Structure formats: structure tokens, C-alpha cells
Amino acid sequence: MNAGFAYNGLCKDGEGMYRLEIDCVGYNTNPLAIGPYTIRQDFPIGQAGTVACIGPGWSSAGWGVGGRVLPL
């Protein structure tokens, strides 16, 4: 976790894509959620990534409570 609202990750082995997920508690406007929600983003293997509970233009704001790196 990074400062409690973001999760940094990297998957280095293999080829293809991997997914970073962060579980947040707060609000999200796309899709609409108040309380717990999960932000997911896919990255190419070998590229570091960050997912955050705070979205562009404050479209979401929350506190991270867990994160995962998942190979796809």
C-alpha cells in the first residue's frame, strides 16, 4: 500500500497481462458505490503499475484496505 490510498505492483515473470486491484472504503461515481468498492486495472507483464482509491477530478475517494496482483 502507498500512503493508504494507492497500491503499487509489478508482475515480472511470463508474458501477457496482469491485474492490480485495490479494495477501498469511501465513494466511487463510476460505477456508483458508497462504502466498499474495488478498483482494477490491467498492465503488461514487466510494467510497474499503480491503482488508487482517489480518481480523476475526485470521481472517487477512499481509503485502501487491501490489494492484489493477479496474473491474467
Protein backbone atom coordinates (compact mmCIF):
# COMPACT_ATOMS: atom_id res chain seq x y z
CA MET A 1 0.00 0.00 0.00
CA ASN A 2 1.14 3.52 -0.77
CA ALA A 3 0.03 6.19 1.74
CA GLY A 4 -3.15 4.23 2.47
CA PHE A 5 -4.97 5.14 -0.75
CA ALA A 6 -2.94 3.51 -3.54
CA TYR A 7 -1.36 0.15 -4.33
CA ASN A 8 1.85 -0.27 -6.36
CA GLY A 9 2.62 -3.59 -8.01
CA LEU A 10 4.67 -5.40 -10.62
CA CYS A 11 4.48 -8.82 -12.23
CA LYS A 12 7.80 -9.76 -13.88
CA ASP A 13 7.56 -13.44 -14.84
CA GLY A 14 5.98 -14.67 -18.06
CA GLU A 15 4.19 -12.95 -20.91
CA GLY A 16 0.82 -11.26 -21.33
CA MET A 17 -1.03 -9.12 -18.82
CA TYR A 18 -1.58 -8.87 -15.09
CA ARG A 19 -4.20 -7.07 -12.99
CA LEU A 20 -3.74 -4.80 -9.98
CA GLU A 21 -6.70 -4.48 -7.62
CA ILE A 22 -7.23 -2.28 -4.57
CA ASP A 23 -10.14 -2.62 -2.17
CA CYS A 24 -11.34 0.77 -0.94
CA VAL A 25 -13.85 2.16 1.53
CA GLY A 26 -15.34 5.52 0.53
CA TYR A 27 -17.25 6.53 -2.61
CA ASN A 28 -16.94 5.96 -6.35
CA THR A 29 -19.07 7.59 -9.06
CA ASN A 30 -18.30 5.15 -11.91
CA PRO A 31 -19.85 2.70 -11.12
CA LEU A 32 -21.75 4.32 -8.26
CA ALA A 33 -20.69 2.91 -4.89
CA ILE A 34 -20.78 4.24 -1.35
CA GLY A 35 -18.91 2.10 1.15
CA PRO A 36 -16.64 -0.70 -0.09
CA TYR A 37 -15.57 -0.79 -3.74
CA THR A 38 -12.71 -2.26 -5.82
CA ILE A 39 -10.60 -0.51 -8.47
CA ARG A 40 -8.99 -2.75 -11.12
CA GLN A 41 -6.51 -2.01 -13.87
CA ASP A 42 -4.63 -4.30 -16.28
CA PHE A 43 -0.96 -3.84 -17.21
CA PRO A 44 1.52 -5.64 -19.48
CA ILE A 45 3.81 -8.01 -17.60
CA GLY A 46 7.08 -6.23 -16.86
CA GLN A 47 5.50 -2.78 -16.47
CA ALA A 48 5.01 -1.44 -12.94
CA GLY A 49 1.58 -0.08 -12.15
CA THR A 50 -0.43 1.81 -9.55
CA VAL A 51 -4.13 1.70 -8.74
CA ALA A 52 -5.65 4.28 -6.41
CA CYS A 53 -8.82 4.90 -4.41
CA ILE A 54 -8.74 8.57 -5.48
CA GLY A 55 -9.90 9.05 -9.06
CA PRO A 56 -9.52 11.90 -11.55
CA GLY A 57 -11.47 15.01 -10.57
CA TRP A 58 -12.38 13.36 -7.24
CA SER A 59 -14.66 10.90 -9.10
CA SER A 60 -13.74 8.54 -6.29
CA ALA A 61 -12.18 8.96 -2.89
CA GLY A 62 -11.50 6.35 -0.27
CA TRP A 63 -9.05 4.52 1.94
CA GLY A 64 -7.34 1.35 0.76
CA VAL A 65 -7.92 -1.74 2.87
CA GLY A 66 -6.24 -4.38 0.68
CA GLY A 67 -4.60 -5.00 -2.67
CA ARG A 68 -3.74 -7.85 -5.04
CA VAL A 69 -1.58 -8.67 -8.07
CA LEU A 70 -3.24 -11.25 -10.33
CA PRO A 71 -1.75 -12.79 -13.48
CA LEU A 72 -4.27 -12.95 -16.36
